[in-house]
Amino acid sequence: MKTENNISKEELQLMLENAAPLAIIDVRSKEEYDENHIPEAIYIPLDQLKKIARFLNCNALYVTACGKGGGRSAQGAEILSEMGLKSTWLIGGTFGFLSSEEE
């Protein structure tokens, strides 16, 4: 099951402000995550996502993020979707989200 589902930084910001039941998952490498990440994001590398997905809450929405959005984050959302979880990926990724916070 391929997911084309994605979310904009504006939609995500609104959901965070409204305390929507969601979790942001940063799927990049540990080095990339340590360098810079969305403050609310938890770190689960893409290659570990399938293993950890079975422990995730099936009632939450999971938003995957990578650096620029669309590559690894889309893969991560697809993995979660295949595991029966609600998932989407962040357009523009971590860099796009953080740059919008600085404006």
PDB file of N, CA and C in Angstrom:
ATOM      1  N   MET A   1       0.844  -1.190   0.000  1.00  0.00           N
ATOM      2  CA  MET A   1       0.000   0.000   0.000  1.00  0.00           C
ATOM      3  C   MET A   1       0.880   1.240   0.000  1.00  0.00           C
ATOM      4  N   LYS A   2       0.860   2.009  -1.057  1.00  0.00           N
ATOM      5  CA  LYS A   2       1.690   3.194  -1.176  1.00  0.00           C
ATOM      6  C   LYS A   2       0.912   4.406  -0.676  1.00  0.00           C
ATOM      7  N   THR A   3       1.578   5.220   0.161  1.00  0.00           N
ATOM      8  CA  THR A   3       0.904   6.410   0.660  1.00  0.00           C
ATOM      9  C   THR A   3       1.382   7.644  -0.086  1.00  0.00           C
ATOM     10  N   GLU A   4       0.464   8.410  -0.584  1.00  0.00           N
ATOM     11  CA  GLU A   4       0.755   9.694  -1.220  1.00  0.00           C
ATOM     12  C   GLU A   4       0.431  10.816  -0.240  1.00  0.00           C
ATOM     13  N   ASN A   5       0.047  10.428   0.951  1.00  0.00           N
ATOM     14  CA  ASN A   5      -0.410  11.364   1.963  1.00  0.00           C
ATOM     15  C   ASN A   5       0.739  12.207   2.500  1.00  0.00           C
ATOM     16  N   ASN A   6       0.572  13.514   2.478  1.00  0.00           N
ATOM     17  CA  ASN A   6       1.577  14.397   3.049  1.00  0.00           C
ATOM     18  C   ASN A   6       0.898  15.565   3.739  1.00  0.00           C
ATOM     19  N   ILE A   7       1.695  16.293   4.511  1.00  0.00           N
ATOM     20  CA  ILE A   7       1.169  17.406   5.285  1.00  0.00           C
ATOM     21  C   ILE A   7       2.111  18.598   5.130  1.00  0.00           C
ATOM     22  N   SER A   8       1.543  19.781   5.063  1.00  0.00           N
ATOM     23  CA  SER A   8       2.369  20.987   4.952  1.00  0.00           C
ATOM     24  C   SER A   8       2.828  21.431   6.329  1.00  0.00           C
ATOM     25  N   LYS A   9       3.839  22.273   6.359  1.00  0.00           N
ATOM     26  CA  LYS A   9       4.327  22.792   7.651  1.00  0.00           C
ATOM     27  C   LYS A   9       3.249  23.614   8.343  1.00  0.00           C
ATOM     28  N   GLU A  10       2.433  24.315   7.577  1.00  0.00           N
ATOM     29  CA  GLU A  10       1.355  25.109   8.163  1.00  0.00           C
ATOM     30  C   GLU A  10       0.299  24.221   8.819  1.00  0.00           C
ATOM     31  N   GLU A  11      -0.061  23.136   8.138  1.00  0.00           N
ATOM     32  CA  GLU A  11      -1.029  22.195   8.704  1.00  0.00           C
ATOM     33  C   GLU A  11      -0.473  21.556   9.978  1.00  0.00           C
ATOM     34  N   LEU A  12       0.795  21.185   9.944  1.00  0.00           N
ATOM     35  CA  LEU A  12       1.411  20.566  11.115  1.00  0.00           C
ATOM     36  C   LEU A  12       1.483  21.547  12.281  1.00  0.00           C
ATOM     37  N   GLN A  13       1.861  22.788  12.011  1.00  0.00           N
ATOM     38  CA  GLN A  13       1.919  23.798  13.075  1.00  0.00           C
ATOM     39  C   GLN A  13       0.548  23.979  13.721  1.00  0.00           C
ATOM     40  N   LEU A  14      -0.493  24.027  12.921  1.00  0.00           N
ATOM     41  CA  LEU A  14      -1.849  24.178  13.433  1.00  0.00           C
ATOM     42  C   LEU A  14      -2.235  22.981  14.305  1.00  0.00           C
ATOM     43  N   MET A  15      -1.903  21.791  13.852  1.00  0.00           N
ATOM     44  CA  MET A  15      -2.203  20.590  14.628  1.00  0.00           C
ATOM     45  C   MET A  15      -1.451  20.587  15.956  1.00  0.00           C
ATOM     46  N   LEU A  16      -0.193  21.026  15.944  1.00  0.00           N
ATOM     47  CA  LEU A  16       0.590  21.086  17.180  1.00  0.00           C
ATOM     48  C   LEU A  16       0.000  22.121  18.144  1.00  0.00           C
ATOM     49  N   GLU A  17      -0.415  23.265  17.607  1.00  0.00           N
ATOM     50  CA  GLU A  17      -1.021  24.316  18.440  1.00  0.00           C
ATOM     51  C   GLU A  17      -2.321  23.836  19.072  1.00  0.00           C
ATOM     52  N   ASN A  18      -3.042  22.976  18.375  1.00  0.00           N
ATOM     53  CA  ASN A  18      -4.318  22.457  18.870  1.00  0.00           C
ATOM     54  C   ASN A  18      -4.166  21.145  19.627  1.00  0.00           C
ATOM     55  N   ALA A  19      -2.939  20.772  19.932  1.00  0.00           N
ATOM     56  CA  ALA A  19      -2.627  19.562  20.699  1.00  0.00           C
ATOM     57  C   ALA A  19      -3.274  18.303  20.105  1.00  0.00           C
ATOM     58  N   ALA A  20      -3.215  18.197  18.807  1.00  0.00           N
ATOM     59  CA  ALA A  20      -3.745  17.007  18.133  1.00  0.00           C
ATOM     60  C   ALA A  20      -2.916  15.785  18.547  1.00  0.00           C
ATOM     61  N   PRO A  21      -3.552  14.616  18.624  1.00  0.00           N
ATOM     62  CA  PRO A  21      -2.808  13.412  19.010  1.00  0.00           C
ATOM     63  C   PRO A  21      -1.922  12.926  17.858  1.00  0.00           C
ATOM     64  N   LEU A  22      -0.702  13.415  17.846  1.00  0.00           N
ATOM     65  CA  LEU A  22       0.227  13.033  16.796  1.00  0.00           C
ATOM     66  C   LEU A  22       1.639  12.960  17.351  1.00  0.00           C
ATOM     67  N   ALA A  23       2.485  12.303  16.601  1.00  0.00           N
ATOM     68  CA  ALA A  23       3.908  12.243  16.924  1.00  0.00           C
ATOM     69  C   ALA A  23       4.688  12.481  15.642  1.00  0.00           C
ATOM     70  N   ILE A  24       5.724  13.295  15.747  1.00  0.00           N
ATOM     71  CA  ILE A  24       6.615  13.541  14.621  1.00  0.00           C
ATOM     72  C   ILE A  24       7.792  12.586  14.779  1.00  0.00           C
ATOM     73  N   ILE A  25       8.079  11.830  13.738  1.00  0.00           N
ATOM     74  CA  ILE A  25       9.185  10.879  13.761  1.00  0.00           C
ATOM     75  C   ILE A  25      10.226  11.325  12.750  1.00  0.00           C
ATOM     76  N   ASP A  26      11.423  11.622  13.237  1.00  0.00           N
ATOM     77  CA  ASP A  26      12.546  11.981  12.375  1.00  0.00           C
ATOM     78  C   ASP A  26      13.238  10.683  11.969  1.00  0.00           C
ATOM     79  N   VAL A  27      13.262  10.394  10.674  1.00  0.00           N
ATOM     80  CA  VAL A  27      13.762   9.113  10.175  1.00  0.00           C
ATOM     81  C   VAL A  27      15.185   9.187   9.623  1.00  0.00           C
ATOM     82  N   ARG A  28      15.864  10.308   9.856  1.00  0.00           N
ATOM     83  CA  ARG A  28      17.226  10.476   9.329  1.00  0.00           C
ATOM     84  C   ARG A  28      18.249   9.743  10.199  1.00  0.00           C
ATOM     85  N   SER A  29      19.511   9.910   9.868  1.00  0.00           N
ATOM     86  CA  SER A  29      20.581   9.310  10.670  1.00  0.00           C
ATOM     87  C   SER A  29      20.702  10.037  12.004  1.00  0.00           C
ATOM     88  N   LYS A  30      21.333   9.401  12.972  1.00  0.00           N
ATOM     89  CA  LYS A  30      21.529   9.999  14.297  1.00  0.00           C
ATOM     90  C   LYS A  30      22.315  11.302  14.186  1.00  0.00           C
ATOM     91  N   GLU A  31      23.313  11.329  13.334  1.00  0.00           N
ATOM     92  CA  GLU A  31      24.130  12.536  13.141  1.00  0.00           C
ATOM     93  C   GLU A  31      23.282  13.687  12.610  1.00  0.00           C
ATOM     94  N   GLU A  32      22.428  13.393  11.635  1.00  0.00           N
ATOM     95  CA  GLU A  32      21.554  14.430  11.074  1.00  0.00           C
ATOM     96  C   GLU A  32      20.568  14.924  12.129  1.00  0.00           C
ATOM     97  N   TYR A  33      19.996  13.998  12.890  1.00  0.00           N
ATOM     98  CA  TYR A  33      19.052  14.367  13.934  1.00  0.00           C
ATOM     99  C   TYR A  33      19.731  15.228  14.998  1.00  0.00           C
ATOM    100  N   ASP A  34      20.910  14.814  15.438  1.00  0.00           N
ATOM    101  CA  ASP A  34      21.640  15.569  16.471  1.00  0.00           C
ATOM    102  C   ASP A  34      22.019  16.967  16.004  1.00  0.00           C
ATOM    103  N   GLU A  35      22.286  17.111  14.714  1.00  0.00           N
ATOM    104  CA  GLU A  35      22.673  18.409  14.163  1.00  0.00           C
ATOM    105  C   GLU A  35      21.522  19.411  14.223  1.00  0.00           C
ATOM    106  N   ASN A  36      20.313  18.949  13.903  1.00  0.00           N
ATOM    107  CA  ASN A  36      19.154  19.837  13.878  1.00  0.00           C
ATOM    108  C   ASN A  36      17.898  18.995  13.686  1.00  0.00           C
ATOM    109  N   HIS A  37      16.879  19.270  14.483  1.00  0.00           N
ATOM    110  CA  HIS A  37      15.616  18.551  14.336  1.00  0.00           C
ATOM    111  C   HIS A  37      14.464  19.401  14.864  1.00  0.00           C
ATOM    112  N   ILE A  38      13.273  19.028  14.489  1.00  0.00           N
ATOM    113  CA  ILE A  38      12.070  19.686  14.989  1.00  0.00           C
ATOM    114  C   ILE A  38      11.985  19.356  16.477  1.00  0.00           C
ATOM    115  N   PRO A  39      11.817  20.357  17.343  1.00  0.00           N
ATOM    116  CA  PRO A  39      11.844  20.102  18.790  1.00  0.00           C
ATOM    117  C   PRO A  39      10.914  18.983  19.266  1.00  0.00           C
ATOM    118  N   GLU A  40       9.761  18.825  18.662  1.00  0.00           N
ATOM    119  CA  GLU A  40       8.795  17.810  19.079  1.00  0.00           C
ATOM    120  C   GLU A  40       9.106  16.420  18.524  1.00  0.00           C
ATOM    121  N   ALA A  41      10.070  16.330  17.607  1.00  0.00           N
ATOM    122  CA  ALA A  41      10.336  15.073  16.902  1.00  0.00           C
ATOM    123  C   ALA A  41      11.073  14.061  17.766  1.00  0.00           C
ATOM    124  N   ILE A  42      10.673  12.808  17.592  1.00  0.00           N
ATOM    125  CA  ILE A  42      11.411  11.707  18.201  1.00  0.00           C
ATOM    126  C   ILE A  42      12.254  11.062  17.109  1.00  0.00           C
ATOM    127  N   TYR A  43      13.344  10.475  17.523  1.00  0.00           N
ATOM    128  CA  TYR A  43      14.278   9.884  16.568  1.00  0.00           C
ATOM    129  C   TYR A  43      14.044   8.387  16.431  1.00  0.00           C
ATOM    130  N   ILE A  44      13.650   7.974  15.239  1.00  0.00           N
ATOM    131  CA  ILE A  44      13.585   6.560  14.887  1.00  0.00           C
ATOM    132  C   ILE A  44      14.130   6.465  13.457  1.00  0.00           C
ATOM    133  N   PRO A  45      15.326   5.923  13.288  1.00  0.00           N
ATOM    134  CA  PRO A  45      15.891   5.857  11.933  1.00  0.00           C
ATOM    135  C   PRO A  45      15.044   4.986  11.015  1.00  0.00           C
ATOM    136  N   LEU A  46      15.052   5.332   9.761  1.00  0.00           N
ATOM    137  CA  LEU A  46      14.236   4.635   8.766  1.00  0.00           C
ATOM    138  C   LEU A  46      14.452   3.125   8.809  1.00  0.00           C
ATOM    139  N   ASP A  47      15.691   2.684   8.965  1.00  0.00           N
ATOM    140  CA  ASP A  47      15.952   1.245   8.948  1.00  0.00           C
ATOM    141  C   ASP A  47      15.473   0.516  10.210  1.00  0.00           C
ATOM    142  N   GLN A  48      15.038   1.251  11.230  1.00  0.00           N
ATOM    143  CA  GLN A  48      14.513   0.653  12.456  1.00  0.00           C
ATOM    144  C   GLN A  48      12.997   0.811  12.584  1.00  0.00           C
ATOM    145  N   LEU A  49      12.415   1.576  11.691  1.00  0.00           N
ATOM    146  CA  LEU A  49      11.005   1.944  11.806  1.00  0.00           C
ATOM    147  C   LEU A  49      10.061   0.746  11.816  1.00  0.00           C
ATOM    148  N   LYS A  50      10.284  -0.193  10.938  1.00  0.00           N
ATOM    149  CA  LYS A  50       9.394  -1.357  10.861  1.00  0.00           C
ATOM    150  C   LYS A  50       9.438  -2.159  12.162  1.00  0.00           C
ATOM    151  N   LYS A  51      10.617  -2.281  12.742  1.00  0.00           N
ATOM    152  CA  LYS A  51      10.786  -3.035  13.978  1.00  0.00           C
ATOM    153  C   LYS A  51      10.068  -2.356  15.145  1.00  0.00           C
ATOM    154  N   ILE A  52      10.103  -1.036  15.187  1.00  0.00           N
ATOM    155  CA  ILE A  52       9.532  -0.271  16.295  1.00  0.00           C
ATOM    156  C   ILE A  52       8.042   0.002  16.096  1.00  0.00           C
ATOM    157  N   ALA A  53       7.575  -0.013  14.870  1.00  0.00           N
ATOM    158  CA  ALA A  53       6.185   0.338  14.557  1.00  0.00           C
ATOM    159  C   ALA A  53       5.170  -0.501  15.321  1.00  0.00           C
ATOM    160  N   ARG A  54       5.490  -1.725  15.591  1.00  0.00           N
ATOM    161  CA  ARG A  54       4.529  -2.599  16.280  1.00  0.00           C
ATOM    162  C   ARG A  54       4.262  -2.158  17.719  1.00  0.00           C
ATOM    163  N   PHE A  55       5.122  -1.295  18.256  1.00  0.00           N
ATOM    164  CA  PHE A  55       4.952  -0.795  19.612  1.00  0.00           C
ATOM    165  C   PHE A  55       4.241   0.562  19.662  1.00  0.00           C
ATOM    166  N   LEU A  56       3.936   1.124  18.498  1.00  0.00           N
ATOM    167  CA  LEU A  56       3.333   2.456  18.438  1.00  0.00           C
ATOM    168  C   LEU A  56       1.827   2.390  18.632  1.00  0.00           C
ATOM    169  N   ASN A  57       1.256   3.468  19.129  1.00  0.00           N
ATOM    170  CA  ASN A  57      -0.177   3.600  19.377  1.00  0.00           C
ATOM    171  C   ASN A  57      -0.927   3.664  18.044  1.00  0.00           C
ATOM    172  N   CYS A  58      -1.837   2.742  17.842  1.00  0.00           N
ATOM    173  CA  CYS A  58      -2.565   2.695  16.567  1.00  0.00           C
ATOM    174  C   CYS A  58      -3.611   3.805  16.440  1.00  0.00           C
ATOM    175  N   ASN A  59      -3.860   4.568  17.500  1.00  0.00           N
ATOM    176  CA  ASN A  59      -4.840   5.652  17.436  1.00  0.00           C
ATOM    177  C   ASN A  59      -4.220   7.012  17.140  1.00  0.00           C
ATOM    178  N   ALA A  60      -2.906   7.090  17.138  1.00  0.00           N
ATOM    179  CA  ALA A  60      -2.231   8.364  16.889  1.00  0.00           C
ATOM    180  C   ALA A  60      -1.924   8.532  15.407  1.00  0.00           C
ATOM    181  N   LEU A  61      -1.655   9.763  15.032  1.00  0.00           N
ATOM    182  CA  LEU A  61      -1.179  10.077  13.686  1.00  0.00           C
ATOM    183  C   LEU A  61       0.329  10.242  13.772  1.00  0.00           C
ATOM    184  N   TYR A  62       1.041   9.635  12.860  1.00  0.00           N
ATOM    185  CA  TYR A  62       2.495   9.741  12.821  1.00  0.00           C
ATOM    186  C   TYR A  62       2.908  10.541  11.596  1.00  0.00           C
ATOM    187  N   VAL A  63       3.676  11.596  11.842  1.00  0.00           N
ATOM    188  CA  VAL A  63       4.180  12.458  10.784  1.00  0.00           C
ATOM    189  C   VAL A  63       5.675  12.189  10.676  1.00  0.00           C
ATOM    190  N   THR A  64       6.111  11.648   9.542  1.00  0.00           N
ATOM    191  CA  THR A  64       7.532  11.375   9.363  1.00  0.00           C
ATOM    192  C   THR A  64       8.211  12.580   8.726  1.00  0.00           C
ATOM    193  N   ALA A  65       9.454  12.801   9.138  1.00  0.00           N
ATOM    194  CA  ALA A  65      10.218  13.937   8.624  1.00  0.00           C
ATOM    195  C   ALA A  65      11.641  13.504   8.315  1.00  0.00           C
ATOM    196  N   CYS A  66      12.182  14.061   7.255  1.00  0.00           N
ATOM    197  CA  CYS A  66      13.601  13.900   6.944  1.00  0.00           C
ATOM    198  C   CYS A  66      14.145  15.312   6.718  1.00  0.00           C
ATOM    199  N   GLY A  67      15.228  15.468   6.006  1.00  0.00           N
ATOM    200  CA  GLY A  67      15.831  16.789   5.833  1.00  0.00           C
ATOM    201  C   GLY A  67      14.987  17.742   5.010  1.00  0.00           C
ATOM    202  N   LYS A  68      14.731  17.361   3.766  1.00  0.00           N
ATOM    203  CA  LYS A  68      14.002  18.244   2.853  1.00  0.00           C
ATOM    204  C   LYS A  68      12.587  17.765   2.572  1.00  0.00           C
ATOM    205  N   GLY A  69      12.247  16.569   2.995  1.00  0.00           N
ATOM    206  CA  GLY A  69      10.895  16.048   2.821  1.00  0.00           C
ATOM    207  C   GLY A  69      10.676  15.360   1.498  1.00  0.00           C
ATOM    208  N   GLY A  70      10.035  14.214   1.547  1.00  0.00           N
ATOM    209  CA  GLY A  70       9.643  13.516   0.334  1.00  0.00           C
ATOM    210  C   GLY A  70      10.430  12.260   0.028  1.00  0.00           C
ATOM    211  N   GLY A  71      11.668  12.159   0.468  1.00  0.00           N
ATOM    212  CA  GLY A  71      12.462  10.961   0.211  1.00  0.00           C
ATOM    213  C   GLY A  71      12.264   9.933   1.305  1.00  0.00           C
ATOM    214  N   ARG A  72      13.115  10.019   2.303  1.00  0.00           N
ATOM    215  CA  ARG A  72      13.038   9.067   3.412  1.00  0.00           C
ATOM    216  C   ARG A  72      11.745   9.218   4.199  1.00  0.00           C
ATOM    217  N   SER A  73      11.236  10.443   4.298  1.00  0.00           N
ATOM    218  CA  SER A  73       9.995  10.636   5.061  1.00  0.00           C
ATOM    219  C   SER A  73       8.817   9.954   4.372  1.00  0.00           C
ATOM    220  N   ALA A  74       8.755  10.005   3.055  1.00  0.00           N
ATOM    221  CA  ALA A  74       7.686   9.313   2.326  1.00  0.00           C
ATOM    222  C   ALA A  74       7.816   7.803   2.501  1.00  0.00           C
ATOM    223  N   GLN A  75       9.046   7.295   2.478  1.00  0.00           N
ATOM    224  CA  GLN A  75       9.270   5.871   2.717  1.00  0.00           C
ATOM    225  C   GLN A  75       8.810   5.493   4.121  1.00  0.00           C
ATOM    226  N   GLY A  76       9.137   6.337   5.100  1.00  0.00           N
ATOM    227  CA  GLY A  76       8.734   6.072   6.475  1.00  0.00           C
ATOM    228  C   GLY A  76       7.219   6.040   6.631  1.00  0.00           C
ATOM    229  N   ALA A  77       6.540   6.992   6.024  1.00  0.00           N
ATOM    230  CA  ALA A  77       5.073   7.030   6.091  1.00  0.00           C
ATOM    231  C   ALA A  77       4.479   5.789   5.433  1.00  0.00           C
ATOM    232  N   GLU A  78       5.080   5.352   4.354  1.00  0.00           N
ATOM    233  CA  GLU A  78       4.600   4.152   3.667  1.00  0.00           C
ATOM    234  C   GLU A  78       4.768   2.913   4.553  1.00  0.00           C
ATOM    235  N   ILE A  79       5.910   2.795   5.220  1.00  0.00           N
ATOM    236  CA  ILE A  79       6.154   1.670   6.137  1.00  0.00           C
ATOM    237  C   ILE A  79       5.099   1.654   7.237  1.00  0.00           C
ATOM    238  N   LEU A  80       4.859   2.809   7.850  1.00  0.00           N
ATOM    239  CA  LEU A  80       3.871   2.889   8.929  1.00  0.00           C
ATOM    240  C   LEU A  80       2.476   2.554   8.426  1.00  0.00           C
ATOM    241  N   SER A  81       2.139   3.044   7.253  1.00  0.00           N
ATOM    242  CA  SER A  81       0.839   2.758   6.662  1.00  0.00           C
ATOM    243  C   SER A  81       0.671   1.259   6.414  1.00  0.00           C
ATOM    244  N   GLU A  82       1.712   0.623   5.904  1.00  0.00           N
ATOM    245  CA  GLU A  82       1.669  -0.819   5.661  1.00  0.00           C
ATOM    246  C   GLU A  82       1.515  -1.609   6.958  1.00  0.00           C
ATOM    247  N   MET A  83       1.948  -1.017   8.076  1.00  0.00           N
ATOM    248  CA  MET A  83       1.829  -1.664   9.388  1.00  0.00           C
ATOM    249  C   MET A  83       0.469  -1.361  10.026  1.00  0.00           C
ATOM    250  N   GLY A  84      -0.398  -0.644   9.282  1.00  0.00           N
ATOM    251  CA  GLY A  84      -1.746  -0.355   9.766  1.00  0.00           C
ATOM    252  C   GLY A  84      -1.856   0.897  10.617  1.00  0.00           C
ATOM    253  N   LEU A  85      -0.836   1.748  10.584  1.00  0.00           N
ATOM    254  CA  LEU A  85      -0.854   2.988  11.368  1.00  0.00           C
ATOM    255  C   LEU A  85      -1.219   4.175  10.490  1.00  0.00           C
ATOM    256  N   LYS A  86      -1.816   5.196  11.108  1.00  0.00           N
ATOM    257  CA  LYS A  86      -2.139   6.431  10.393  1.00  0.00           C
ATOM    258  C   LYS A  86      -0.836   7.219  10.248  1.00  0.00           C
ATOM    259  N   SER A  87      -0.490   7.541   9.026  1.00  0.00           N
ATOM    260  CA  SER A  87       0.784   8.218   8.805  1.00  0.00           C
ATOM    261  C   SER A  87       0.713   9.192   7.645  1.00  0.00           C
ATOM    262  N   THR A  88       1.609  10.148   7.699  1.00  0.00           N
ATOM    263  CA  THR A  88       1.771  11.144   6.655  1.00  0.00           C
ATOM    264  C   THR A  88       3.216  11.613   6.716  1.00  0.00           C
ATOM    265  N   TRP A  89       3.683  12.285   5.683  1.00  0.00           N
ATOM    266  CA  TRP A  89       5.041  12.808   5.705  1.00  0.00           C
ATOM    267  C   TRP A  89       5.021  14.327   5.501  1.00  0.00           C
ATOM    268  N   LEU A  90       6.024  14.967   6.063  1.00  0.00           N
ATOM    269  CA  LEU A  90       6.098  16.423   6.095  1.00  0.00           C
ATOM    270  C   LEU A  90       6.722  16.996   4.835  1.00  0.00           C
ATOM    271  N   ILE A  91       5.954  17.783   4.091  1.00  0.00           N
ATOM    272  CA  ILE A  91       6.459  18.479   2.912  1.00  0.00           C
ATOM    273  C   ILE A  91       7.498  19.506   3.366  1.00  0.00           C
ATOM    274  N   GLY A  92       8.638  19.528   2.730  1.00  0.00           N
ATOM    275  CA  GLY A  92       9.688  20.487   3.076  1.00  0.00           C
ATOM    276  C   GLY A  92      10.590  20.003   4.200  1.00  0.00           C
ATOM    277  N   GLY A  93      10.185  18.939   4.875  1.00  0.00           N
ATOM    278  CA  GLY A  93      11.016  18.316   5.899  1.00  0.00           C
ATOM    279  C   GLY A  93      11.397  19.219   7.063  1.00  0.00           C
ATOM    280  N   THR A  94      12.404  18.771   7.776  1.00  0.00           N
ATOM    281  CA  THR A  94      12.902  19.488   8.945  1.00  0.00           C
ATOM    282  C   THR A  94      13.363  20.887   8.576  1.00  0.00           C
ATOM    283  N   PHE A  95      14.112  21.001   7.484  1.00  0.00           N
ATOM    284  CA  PHE A  95      14.648  22.314   7.102  1.00  0.00           C
ATOM    285  C   PHE A  95      13.533  23.304   6.792  1.00  0.00           C
ATOM    286  N   GLY A  96      12.532  22.869   6.053  1.00  0.00           N
ATOM    287  CA  GLY A  96      11.407  23.732   5.724  1.00  0.00           C
ATOM    288  C   GLY A  96      10.602  24.116   6.951  1.00  0.00           C
ATOM    289  N   PHE A  97      10.401  23.179   7.858  1.00  0.00           N
ATOM    290  CA  PHE A  97       9.624  23.451   9.070  1.00  0.00           C
ATOM    291  C   PHE A  97      10.367  24.444   9.959  1.00  0.00           C
ATOM    292  N   LEU A  98      11.653  24.206  10.170  1.00  0.00           N
ATOM    293  CA  LEU A  98      12.413  25.097  11.055  1.00  0.00           C
ATOM    294  C   LEU A  98      12.589  26.478  10.466  1.00  0.00           C
ATOM    295  N   SER A  99      12.744  26.581   9.146  1.00  0.00           N
ATOM    296  CA  SER A  99      12.895  27.905   8.541  1.00  0.00           C
ATOM    297  C   SER A  99      11.609  28.701   8.666  1.00  0.00           C
ATOM    298  N   SER A 100      10.459  28.029   8.665  1.00  0.00           N
ATOM    299  CA  SER A 100       9.193  28.755   8.808  1.00  0.00           C
ATOM    300  C   SER A 100       9.012  29.255  10.231  1.00  0.00           C
ATOM    301  N   GLU A 101       9.624  28.594  11.211  1.00  0.00           N
ATOM    302  CA  GLU A 101       9.513  29.061  12.599  1.00  0.00           C
ATOM    303  C   GLU A 101      10.323  30.322  12.830  1.00  0.00           C
ATOM    304  N   GLU A 102      11.385  30.513  12.021  1.00  0.00           N
ATOM    305  CA  GLU A 102      12.249  31.665  12.206  1.00  0.00           C
ATOM    306  C   GLU A 102      11.679  32.931  11.576  1.00  0.00           C
ATOM    307  N   GLU A 103      10.681  32.793  10.725  1.00  0.00           N
ATOM    308  CA  GLU A 103      10.106  33.956  10.033  1.00  0.00           C
ATOM    309  C   GLU A 103       9.273  34.807  10.960  1.00  0.00           C
TER     310      GLU A 103
END
